[in-house]
């Protein structure tokens, strides 16, 4: 008696599916809004930003880091041109990081590896150093943690060459990602 009838189950199931579709549609609409130019931007600036997002997707890179940089600049009240320049640097670093890993023999680096490599590049790591680290790391091991540690060390003021040596020593010792 405690179990609902077949009709009630089907009705509940249909409602849950409808809510799922609505939630999915809302998430998609929110994501699409996130990858639009902020209010008040010129048509030219908006077109440049949307082209950046599209180009990132064509290179199999997520546009999220670009959108984050745009949101940061907008929140700080930075000029449109300054925000566009900063966003283009993020995109260029992601592309350079991805290119370096491909050159090192990793034909399909993950978007997260490209993003973390780009973050390391913002801290002074070069494309050649990203490539060297990718060559040095076994192909079955992700570079996400290595690039993250490298970025953190550089952010603390450790010279990039010393930070690279520390990270590569851990990789050579087959240390776990948590180490």
N, C-alpha and C. Protein backbone atom coordinates (compact mmCIF):
# COMPACT_ATOMS: atom_id res chain seq x y z
N UNK A 1 0.83 -1.20 0.00
CA UNK A 1 0.00 0.00 0.00
C UNK A 1 0.87 1.25 0.00
N UNK A 2 2.11 1.14 0.54
CA UNK A 2 2.99 2.30 0.60
C UNK A 2 3.59 2.65 -0.74
N UNK A 3 3.55 1.71 -1.69
CA UNK A 3 4.13 1.99 -3.00
C UNK A 3 3.12 2.70 -3.87
N UNK A 4 3.59 3.73 -4.62
CA UNK A 4 2.66 4.45 -5.49
C UNK A 4 2.24 3.57 -6.66
N UNK A 5 1.14 3.93 -7.24
CA UNK A 5 0.67 3.19 -8.40
C UNK A 5 1.61 3.40 -9.58
N UNK A 6 1.49 2.58 -10.58
CA UNK A 6 2.32 2.70 -11.78
C UNK A 6 2.15 4.05 -12.44
N UNK A 7 0.91 4.57 -12.43
CA UNK A 7 0.65 5.88 -13.04
C UNK A 7 1.36 6.98 -12.25
N UNK A 8 1.32 6.90 -10.92
CA UNK A 8 1.98 7.92 -10.09
C UNK A 8 3.49 7.86 -10.28
N UNK A 9 4.02 6.63 -10.39
CA UNK A 9 5.46 6.49 -10.62
C UNK A 9 5.85 7.11 -11.95
N UNK A 10 5.07 6.83 -12.99
CA UNK A 10 5.36 7.36 -14.32
C UNK A 10 5.26 8.88 -14.31
N UNK A 11 4.24 9.41 -13.61
CA UNK A 11 4.07 10.85 -13.53
C UNK A 11 5.25 11.51 -12.80
N UNK A 12 5.68 10.88 -11.70
CA UNK A 12 6.83 11.39 -10.96
C UNK A 12 8.10 11.32 -11.78
N UNK A 13 8.24 10.21 -12.51
CA UNK A 13 9.41 10.03 -13.37
C UNK A 13 9.44 11.08 -14.48
N UNK A 14 8.27 11.35 -15.06
CA UNK A 14 8.20 12.36 -16.12
C UNK A 14 8.53 13.74 -15.57
N UNK A 15 8.03 14.03 -14.36
CA UNK A 15 8.32 15.33 -13.75
C UNK A 15 9.82 15.47 -13.48
N UNK A 16 10.44 14.39 -13.01
CA UNK A 16 11.87 14.43 -12.73
C UNK A 16 12.65 14.64 -14.02
N UNK A 17 12.22 13.96 -15.08
CA UNK A 17 12.90 14.13 -16.37
C UNK A 17 12.74 15.57 -16.87
N UNK A 18 11.54 16.12 -16.71
CA UNK A 18 11.29 17.49 -17.15
C UNK A 18 12.16 18.45 -16.36
N UNK A 19 12.25 18.25 -15.01
CA UNK A 19 13.11 19.12 -14.20
C UNK A 19 14.56 18.99 -14.64
N UNK A 20 14.98 17.76 -14.98
CA UNK A 20 16.35 17.54 -15.45
C UNK A 20 16.62 18.29 -16.74
N UNK A 21 15.66 18.27 -17.64
CA UNK A 21 15.81 18.99 -18.91
C UNK A 21 15.85 20.48 -18.65
N UNK A 22 14.96 20.96 -17.75
CA UNK A 22 14.95 22.39 -17.42
C UNK A 22 16.28 22.81 -16.79
N UNK A 23 16.78 21.99 -15.87
CA UNK A 23 18.05 22.28 -15.22
C UNK A 23 19.17 22.30 -16.24
N UNK A 24 19.16 21.33 -17.14
CA UNK A 24 20.19 21.26 -18.18
C UNK A 24 20.10 22.48 -19.10
N UNK A 25 18.88 22.87 -19.46
CA UNK A 25 18.70 24.04 -20.32
C UNK A 25 19.15 25.31 -19.61
N UNK A 26 18.82 25.42 -18.32
CA UNK A 26 19.26 26.58 -17.55
C UNK A 26 20.77 26.64 -17.44
N UNK A 27 21.41 25.49 -17.22
CA UNK A 27 22.87 25.44 -17.13
C UNK A 27 23.50 25.84 -18.47
N UNK A 28 22.91 25.36 -19.56
CA UNK A 28 23.43 25.70 -20.88
C UNK A 28 23.26 27.19 -21.15
N UNK A 29 22.12 27.74 -20.79
CA UNK A 29 21.89 29.17 -21.01
C UNK A 29 22.87 29.99 -20.16
N UNK A 30 23.10 29.53 -18.93
CA UNK A 30 24.05 30.22 -18.06
C UNK A 30 25.46 30.17 -18.64
N UNK A 31 25.85 29.01 -19.15
CA UNK A 31 27.18 28.87 -19.76
C UNK A 31 27.30 29.76 -20.99
N UNK A 32 26.24 29.81 -21.80
CA UNK A 32 26.29 30.66 -22.99
C UNK A 32 26.42 32.13 -22.60
N UNK A 33 25.72 32.54 -21.55
CA UNK A 33 25.81 33.92 -21.08
C UNK A 33 27.21 34.22 -20.55
N UNK A 34 27.82 33.23 -19.93
CA UNK A 34 29.16 33.38 -19.37
C UNK A 34 30.18 33.66 -20.47
N UNK A 35 29.94 33.14 -21.65
CA UNK A 35 30.88 33.32 -22.75
C UNK A 35 30.44 34.41 -23.73
N UNK A 36 29.82 35.41 -23.20
CA UNK A 36 29.45 36.61 -23.95
C UNK A 36 30.22 37.78 -23.37
N UNK A 37 30.33 38.81 -24.13
CA UNK A 37 31.01 40.03 -23.64
C UNK A 37 30.16 40.68 -22.55
N UNK A 38 30.82 41.33 -21.60
CA UNK A 38 30.08 42.03 -20.54
C UNK A 38 29.22 43.16 -21.11
N UNK A 39 28.23 43.53 -20.33
CA UNK A 39 27.35 44.63 -20.74
C UNK A 39 28.16 45.90 -20.91
N UNK A 40 27.80 46.65 -21.93
CA UNK A 40 28.45 47.93 -22.15
C UNK A 40 29.66 47.86 -23.07
N UNK A 41 30.02 46.68 -23.53
CA UNK A 41 31.17 46.57 -24.42
C UNK A 41 30.78 47.01 -25.82
N UNK A 42 31.77 47.44 -26.58
CA UNK A 42 31.54 47.82 -27.97
C UNK A 42 31.28 46.57 -28.79
N UNK A 43 30.68 46.77 -29.96
CA UNK A 43 30.44 45.64 -30.86
C UNK A 43 31.76 45.01 -31.28
N UNK A 44 32.77 45.85 -31.50
CA UNK A 44 34.08 45.34 -31.92
C UNK A 44 34.72 44.50 -30.81
N UNK A 45 34.68 45.00 -29.59
CA UNK A 45 35.25 44.27 -28.46
C UNK A 45 34.51 42.96 -28.22
N UNK A 46 33.20 43.00 -28.32
CA UNK A 46 32.38 41.80 -28.14
C UNK A 46 32.72 40.75 -29.20
N UNK A 47 32.87 41.20 -30.44
CA UNK A 47 33.20 40.28 -31.53
C UNK A 47 34.58 39.65 -31.31
N UNK A 48 35.54 40.46 -30.86
CA UNK A 48 36.88 39.93 -30.60
C UNK A 48 36.85 38.87 -29.50
N UNK A 49 36.10 39.15 -28.44
CA UNK A 49 36.02 38.20 -27.33
C UNK A 49 35.33 36.91 -27.76
N UNK A 50 34.23 37.03 -28.46
CA UNK A 50 33.53 35.84 -28.92
C UNK A 50 34.39 35.03 -29.89
N UNK A 51 35.19 35.70 -30.71
CA UNK A 51 36.11 35.00 -31.61
C UNK A 51 37.18 34.26 -30.81
N UNK A 52 37.63 34.85 -29.70
CA UNK A 52 38.61 34.19 -28.82
C UNK A 52 38.03 32.90 -28.26
N UNK A 53 36.79 32.98 -27.79
CA UNK A 53 36.13 31.80 -27.23
C UNK A 53 36.01 30.71 -28.29
N UNK A 54 35.58 31.09 -29.48
CA UNK A 54 35.40 30.13 -30.56
C UNK A 54 36.73 29.50 -30.97
N UNK A 55 37.77 30.32 -31.04
CA UNK A 55 39.08 29.81 -31.41
C UNK A 55 39.61 28.85 -30.35
N UNK A 56 39.38 29.16 -29.08
CA UNK A 56 39.81 28.26 -28.01
C UNK A 56 39.12 26.91 -28.17
N UNK A 57 37.83 26.93 -28.43
CA UNK A 57 37.09 25.66 -28.62
C UNK A 57 37.62 24.88 -29.82
N UNK A 58 37.96 25.59 -30.91
CA UNK A 58 38.51 24.91 -32.10
C UNK A 58 39.82 24.20 -31.77
N UNK A 59 40.57 24.77 -30.83
CA UNK A 59 41.85 24.15 -30.41
C UNK A 59 41.65 23.16 -29.26
N UNK A 60 40.38 22.81 -29.00
CA UNK A 60 40.02 21.87 -27.93
C UNK A 60 40.47 22.36 -26.56
N UNK A 61 40.34 23.65 -26.36
CA UNK A 61 40.64 24.28 -25.08
C UNK A 61 39.34 24.84 -24.51
N UNK A 62 39.21 24.77 -23.20
CA UNK A 62 38.01 25.32 -22.58
C UNK A 62 38.12 26.84 -22.53
N UNK A 63 37.02 27.53 -22.80
CA UNK A 63 37.04 28.99 -22.74
C UNK A 63 36.94 29.54 -21.32
N UNK A 64 36.74 28.67 -20.33
CA UNK A 64 36.56 29.11 -18.94
C UNK A 64 37.67 30.01 -18.42
N UNK A 65 38.96 29.67 -18.61
CA UNK A 65 40.01 30.56 -18.11
C UNK A 65 39.96 31.96 -18.74
N UNK A 66 39.55 32.02 -19.99
CA UNK A 66 39.41 33.31 -20.66
C UNK A 66 38.26 34.09 -20.01
N UNK A 67 37.13 33.39 -19.81
CA UNK A 67 35.96 34.04 -19.19
C UNK A 67 36.28 34.49 -17.77
N UNK A 68 37.06 33.69 -17.05
CA UNK A 68 37.45 34.08 -15.69
C UNK A 68 38.27 35.37 -15.70
N UNK A 69 39.19 35.46 -16.66
CA UNK A 69 40.03 36.66 -16.75
C UNK A 69 39.18 37.88 -17.12
N UNK A 70 38.21 37.68 -18.01
CA UNK A 70 37.31 38.77 -18.38
C UNK A 70 36.51 39.22 -17.16
N UNK A 71 35.98 38.26 -16.41
CA UNK A 71 35.19 38.59 -15.22
C UNK A 71 36.03 39.33 -14.18
N UNK A 72 37.28 38.91 -14.01
CA UNK A 72 38.18 39.58 -13.06
C UNK A 72 38.41 41.03 -13.48
N UNK A 73 38.73 41.21 -14.74
CA UNK A 73 38.98 42.56 -15.24
C UNK A 73 37.75 43.44 -15.14
N UNK A 74 36.61 42.88 -15.48
CA UNK A 74 35.36 43.63 -15.43
C UNK A 74 35.05 44.03 -13.99
N UNK A 75 35.24 43.09 -13.05
CA UNK A 75 34.98 43.37 -11.63
C UNK A 75 35.89 44.47 -11.09
N UNK A 76 37.10 44.54 -11.63
CA UNK A 76 38.06 45.56 -11.19
C UNK A 76 37.83 46.90 -11.88
N UNK A 77 36.93 46.91 -12.87
CA UNK A 77 36.66 48.14 -13.58
C UNK A 77 37.69 48.46 -14.65
N UNK A 78 38.42 47.45 -15.09
CA UNK A 78 39.44 47.66 -16.12
C UNK A 78 38.80 48.03 -17.46
N UNK A 79 39.55 48.71 -18.27
CA UNK A 79 39.08 49.11 -19.60
C UNK A 79 38.91 47.88 -20.48
N UNK A 80 37.99 47.96 -21.40
CA UNK A 80 37.72 46.87 -22.34
C UNK A 80 39.01 46.41 -23.04
N UNK A 81 39.80 47.36 -23.51
CA UNK A 81 41.03 47.01 -24.23
C UNK A 81 42.02 46.26 -23.33
N UNK A 82 42.08 46.65 -22.07
CA UNK A 82 42.97 45.97 -21.11
C UNK A 82 42.49 44.55 -20.86
N UNK A 83 41.18 44.40 -20.71
CA UNK A 83 40.60 43.07 -20.48
C UNK A 83 40.86 42.17 -21.69
N UNK A 84 40.65 42.71 -22.88
CA UNK A 84 40.88 41.92 -24.09
C UNK A 84 42.34 41.49 -24.21
N UNK A 85 43.25 42.37 -23.88
CA UNK A 85 44.67 42.04 -23.94
C UNK A 85 45.00 40.93 -22.94
N UNK A 86 44.51 41.05 -21.74
CA UNK A 86 44.76 40.05 -20.72
C UNK A 86 44.14 38.70 -21.10
N UNK A 87 42.92 38.73 -21.61
CA UNK A 87 42.25 37.50 -22.04
C UNK A 87 43.00 36.84 -23.19
N UNK A 88 43.52 37.65 -24.11
CA UNK A 88 44.25 37.07 -25.24
C UNK A 88 45.57 36.44 -24.77
N UNK A 89 46.16 36.98 -23.71
CA UNK A 89 47.38 36.36 -23.15
C UNK A 89 47.06 34.99 -22.55
N UNK A 90 45.93 34.90 -21.86
CA UNK A 90 45.51 33.61 -21.30
C UNK A 90 45.34 32.59 -22.42
N UNK A 91 44.65 32.99 -23.47
CA UNK A 91 44.41 32.08 -24.60
C UNK A 91 45.73 31.71 -25.27
N UNK A 92 46.60 32.67 -25.49
CA UNK A 92 47.89 32.39 -26.12
C UNK A 92 48.73 31.44 -25.27
N UNK A 93 48.71 31.62 -23.96
CA UNK A 93 49.46 30.72 -23.09
C UNK A 93 48.89 29.31 -23.10
N UNK A 94 47.56 29.18 -23.15
CA UNK A 94 46.97 27.84 -23.23
C UNK A 94 47.37 27.16 -24.54
N UNK A 95 47.34 27.91 -25.62
CA UNK A 95 47.73 27.36 -26.92
C UNK A 95 49.21 26.99 -26.93
N UNK A 96 50.06 27.82 -26.36
CA UNK A 96 51.50 27.54 -26.32
C UNK A 96 51.78 26.32 -25.45
N UNK A 97 51.09 26.21 -24.36
CA UNK A 97 51.25 25.06 -23.46
C UNK A 97 50.84 23.77 -24.19
N UNK A 98 49.70 23.83 -24.85
CA UNK A 98 49.22 22.68 -25.61
C UNK A 98 50.21 22.31 -26.72
N UNK A 99 50.68 23.30 -27.43
CA UNK A 99 51.63 23.08 -28.53
C UNK A 99 52.92 22.45 -28.00
N UNK A 100 53.40 22.91 -26.85
CA UNK A 100 54.63 22.36 -26.26
C UNK A 100 54.45 20.90 -25.90
N UNK A 101 53.31 20.55 -25.34
CA UNK A 101 53.08 19.15 -24.97
C UNK A 101 52.95 18.26 -26.21
N UNK A 102 52.32 18.77 -27.25
CA UNK A 102 52.22 18.01 -28.50
C UNK A 102 53.61 17.81 -29.09
N UNK A 103 54.43 18.86 -29.07
CA UNK A 103 55.81 18.75 -29.57
C UNK A 103 56.63 17.75 -28.78
N UNK A 104 56.27 17.58 -27.52
CA UNK A 104 56.99 16.66 -26.64
C UNK A 104 56.51 15.21 -26.81
N UNK A 105 55.55 15.00 -27.69
CA UNK A 105 55.10 13.63 -27.94
C UNK A 105 53.80 13.26 -27.24
N UNK A 106 53.09 14.25 -26.74
CA UNK A 106 51.78 14.00 -26.11
C UNK A 106 50.73 14.53 -27.08
N UNK A 107 50.23 13.68 -27.97
CA UNK A 107 49.37 14.17 -29.04
C UNK A 107 48.03 14.76 -28.59
N UNK A 108 47.54 14.37 -27.41
CA UNK A 108 46.23 14.86 -26.96
C UNK A 108 46.27 15.30 -25.50
N UNK A 109 46.98 16.40 -25.23
CA UNK A 109 46.99 16.87 -23.83
C UNK A 109 45.58 17.29 -23.42
N UNK A 110 45.27 17.07 -22.16
CA UNK A 110 43.94 17.45 -21.68
C UNK A 110 43.84 18.97 -21.60
N UNK A 111 42.61 19.44 -21.60
CA UNK A 111 42.38 20.88 -21.46
C UNK A 111 42.94 21.36 -20.12
N UNK A 112 42.80 20.54 -19.09
CA UNK A 112 43.30 20.94 -17.78
C UNK A 112 44.83 21.03 -17.77
N UNK A 113 45.50 20.11 -18.47
CA UNK A 113 46.96 20.21 -18.58
C UNK A 113 47.36 21.50 -19.29
N UNK A 114 46.64 21.83 -20.35
CA UNK A 114 46.93 23.06 -21.09
C UNK A 114 46.70 24.29 -20.22
N UNK A 115 45.63 24.25 -19.42
CA UNK A 115 45.33 25.38 -18.54
C UNK A 115 46.40 25.53 -17.45
N UNK A 116 46.81 24.42 -16.86
CA UNK A 116 47.82 24.49 -15.80
C UNK A 116 49.18 24.89 -16.37
N UNK A 117 49.48 24.42 -17.57
CA UNK A 117 50.71 24.84 -18.23
C UNK A 117 50.68 26.34 -18.50
N UNK A 118 49.52 26.84 -18.92
CA UNK A 118 49.36 28.28 -19.17
C UNK A 118 49.56 29.07 -17.88
N UNK A 119 49.06 28.54 -16.80
CA UNK A 119 49.22 29.20 -15.50
C UNK A 119 50.71 29.26 -15.12
N UNK A 120 51.43 28.18 -15.39
CA UNK A 120 52.88 28.17 -15.12
C UNK A 120 53.58 29.20 -16.01
N UNK A 121 53.11 29.34 -17.24
CA UNK A 121 53.72 30.32 -18.14
C UNK A 121 53.50 31.74 -17.63
N UNK A 122 52.37 31.99 -17.00
CA UNK A 122 52.13 33.31 -16.41
C UNK A 122 53.11 33.61 -15.29
N UNK A 123 53.68 32.56 -14.72
CA UNK A 123 54.65 32.70 -13.62
C UNK A 123 56.09 32.72 -14.12
N UNK A 124 56.27 32.69 -15.47
CA UNK A 124 57.61 32.82 -16.02
C UNK A 124 58.18 31.59 -16.68
N UNK A 125 57.43 30.49 -16.67
CA UNK A 125 57.89 29.27 -17.34
C UNK A 125 57.72 29.47 -18.84
N UNK A 126 58.70 29.06 -19.62
CA UNK A 126 58.65 29.24 -21.07
C UNK A 126 58.02 28.03 -21.75
N UNK A 127 57.66 28.23 -22.99
CA UNK A 127 57.11 27.13 -23.79
C UNK A 127 58.13 26.01 -23.89
N UNK A 128 59.41 26.35 -24.07
CA UNK A 128 60.47 25.33 -24.15
C UNK A 128 60.57 24.54 -22.84
N UNK A 129 60.39 25.21 -21.72
CA UNK A 129 60.45 24.52 -20.44
C UNK A 129 59.24 23.61 -20.23
N UNK A 130 58.08 24.04 -20.71
CA UNK A 130 56.88 23.19 -20.66
C UNK A 130 57.13 21.93 -21.50
N UNK A 131 57.70 22.13 -22.68
CA UNK A 131 57.99 21.00 -23.56
C UNK A 131 59.00 20.05 -22.91
N UNK A 132 60.05 20.60 -22.30
CA UNK A 132 61.06 19.77 -21.65
C UNK A 132 60.44 18.96 -20.51
N UNK A 133 59.58 19.58 -19.73
CA UNK A 133 58.94 18.85 -18.63
C UNK A 133 58.04 17.75 -19.18
N UNK A 134 57.31 18.05 -20.25
CA UNK A 134 56.43 17.04 -20.85
C UNK A 134 57.24 15.87 -21.41
N UNK A 135 58.39 16.15 -22.01
CA UNK A 135 59.26 15.08 -22.52
C UNK A 135 59.80 14.24 -21.37
N UNK A 136 60.08 14.88 -20.28
CA UNK A 136 60.72 14.25 -19.13
C UNK A 136 59.75 13.38 -18.32
N UNK A 137 58.46 13.67 -18.45
CA UNK A 137 57.43 12.98 -17.67
C UNK A 137 56.89 11.79 -18.46
N UNK A 138 56.76 10.63 -17.81
CA UNK A 138 56.18 9.47 -18.52
C UNK A 138 54.81 9.81 -19.11
N UNK A 139 54.56 9.32 -20.32
CA UNK A 139 53.32 9.65 -21.02
C UNK A 139 52.06 9.19 -20.30
N UNK A 140 52.17 8.20 -19.44
CA UNK A 140 50.99 7.71 -18.73
C UNK A 140 50.68 8.54 -17.47
N UNK A 141 51.47 9.56 -17.24
CA UNK A 141 51.27 10.41 -16.07
C UNK A 141 50.80 11.80 -16.50
N UNK A 142 49.75 12.28 -15.86
CA UNK A 142 49.24 13.61 -16.16
C UNK A 142 50.23 14.67 -15.69
N UNK A 143 50.23 15.78 -16.38
CA UNK A 143 51.10 16.90 -16.02
C UNK A 143 50.38 17.95 -15.17
N UNK A 144 49.14 17.73 -14.85
CA UNK A 144 48.34 18.72 -14.11
C UNK A 144 49.01 19.07 -12.78
N UNK A 145 49.35 18.08 -11.98
CA UNK A 145 49.93 18.34 -10.66
C UNK A 145 51.32 18.95 -10.81
N UNK A 146 52.10 18.44 -11.73
CA UNK A 146 53.46 18.97 -11.94
C UNK A 146 53.40 20.46 -12.29
N UNK A 147 52.51 20.83 -13.21
CA UNK A 147 52.39 22.24 -13.59
C UNK A 147 51.84 23.08 -12.44
N UNK A 148 50.93 22.51 -11.66
CA UNK A 148 50.37 23.23 -10.53
C UNK A 148 51.45 23.51 -9.48
N UNK A 149 52.26 22.50 -9.17
CA UNK A 149 53.34 22.67 -8.20
C UNK A 149 54.35 23.69 -8.72
N UNK A 150 54.67 23.57 -9.99
CA UNK A 150 55.60 24.51 -10.61
C UNK A 150 55.10 25.95 -10.47
N UNK A 151 53.83 26.16 -10.73
CA UNK A 151 53.23 27.50 -10.60
C UNK A 151 53.28 28.00 -9.17
N UNK A 152 52.97 27.12 -8.24
CA UNK A 152 52.97 27.52 -6.82
C UNK A 152 54.37 27.88 -6.34
N UNK A 153 55.34 27.09 -6.75
CA UNK A 153 56.72 27.39 -6.36
C UNK A 153 57.16 28.74 -6.93
N UNK A 154 56.85 28.95 -8.20
CA UNK A 154 57.22 30.22 -8.83
C UNK A 154 56.49 31.39 -8.16
N UNK A 155 55.24 31.18 -7.77
CA UNK A 155 54.48 32.23 -7.09
C UNK A 155 55.09 32.58 -5.74
N UNK A 156 55.73 31.60 -5.11
CA UNK A 156 56.39 31.85 -3.82
C UNK A 156 57.76 32.49 -3.98
N UNK A 157 58.17 32.70 -5.23
CA UNK A 157 59.45 33.36 -5.46
C UNK A 157 60.60 32.43 -5.76
N UNK A 158 60.33 31.13 -5.87
CA UNK A 158 61.39 30.18 -6.23
C UNK A 158 61.71 30.42 -7.70
N UNK A 159 62.98 30.61 -8.05
CA UNK A 159 63.33 30.79 -9.47
C UNK A 159 62.81 29.61 -10.31
N UNK A 160 62.34 29.92 -11.50
CA UNK A 160 61.73 28.91 -12.36
C UNK A 160 62.65 27.71 -12.59
N UNK A 161 63.93 27.96 -12.86
CA UNK A 161 64.84 26.83 -13.13
C UNK A 161 64.97 25.93 -11.90
N UNK A 162 64.99 26.52 -10.72
CA UNK A 162 65.06 25.73 -9.49
C UNK A 162 63.75 24.97 -9.25
N UNK A 163 62.63 25.63 -9.50
CA UNK A 163 61.32 24.99 -9.36
C UNK A 163 61.19 23.81 -10.32
N UNK A 164 61.63 24.01 -11.57
CA UNK A 164 61.61 22.92 -12.56
C UNK A 164 62.44 21.74 -12.08
N UNK A 165 63.62 22.01 -11.56
CA UNK A 165 64.50 20.94 -11.08
C UNK A 165 63.84 20.18 -9.93
N UNK A 166 63.17 20.90 -9.03
CA UNK A 166 62.51 20.24 -7.89
C UNK A 166 61.38 19.33 -8.36
N UNK A 167 60.57 19.84 -9.28
CA UNK A 167 59.44 19.05 -9.78
C UNK A 167 59.95 17.84 -10.57
N UNK A 168 60.96 18.05 -11.41
CA UNK A 168 61.49 16.94 -12.20
C UNK A 168 62.15 15.88 -11.31
N UNK A 169 62.76 16.29 -10.22
CA UNK A 169 63.36 15.33 -9.29
C UNK A 169 62.27 14.46 -8.68
N UNK A 170 61.13 15.04 -8.35
CA UNK A 170 60.01 14.26 -7.80
C UNK A 170 59.46 13.29 -8.84
N UNK A 171 59.38 13.77 -10.08
CA UNK A 171 58.89 12.90 -11.16
C UNK A 171 59.87 11.75 -11.38
N UNK A 172 61.17 12.05 -11.39
CA UNK A 172 62.19 11.02 -11.58
C UNK A 172 62.14 9.98 -10.46
N UNK A 173 61.81 10.43 -9.27
CA UNK A 173 61.73 9.52 -8.12
C UNK A 173 60.40 8.76 -8.11
N UNK A 174 59.58 8.98 -9.12
CA UNK A 174 58.28 8.33 -9.23
C UNK A 174 57.40 8.64 -8.02
N UNK A 175 57.55 9.85 -7.49
CA UNK A 175 56.73 10.28 -6.36
C UNK A 175 55.26 10.36 -6.80
N UNK A 176 54.37 10.10 -5.89
CA UNK A 176 52.94 10.19 -6.20
C UNK A 176 52.56 11.66 -6.37
N UNK A 177 51.40 11.89 -6.95
CA UNK A 177 50.93 13.26 -7.12
C UNK A 177 50.75 13.95 -5.77
N UNK A 178 50.34 13.21 -4.77
CA UNK A 178 50.13 13.83 -3.45
C UNK A 178 51.47 14.25 -2.82
N UNK A 179 52.55 13.57 -3.19
CA UNK A 179 53.88 13.93 -2.65
C UNK A 179 54.36 15.17 -3.34
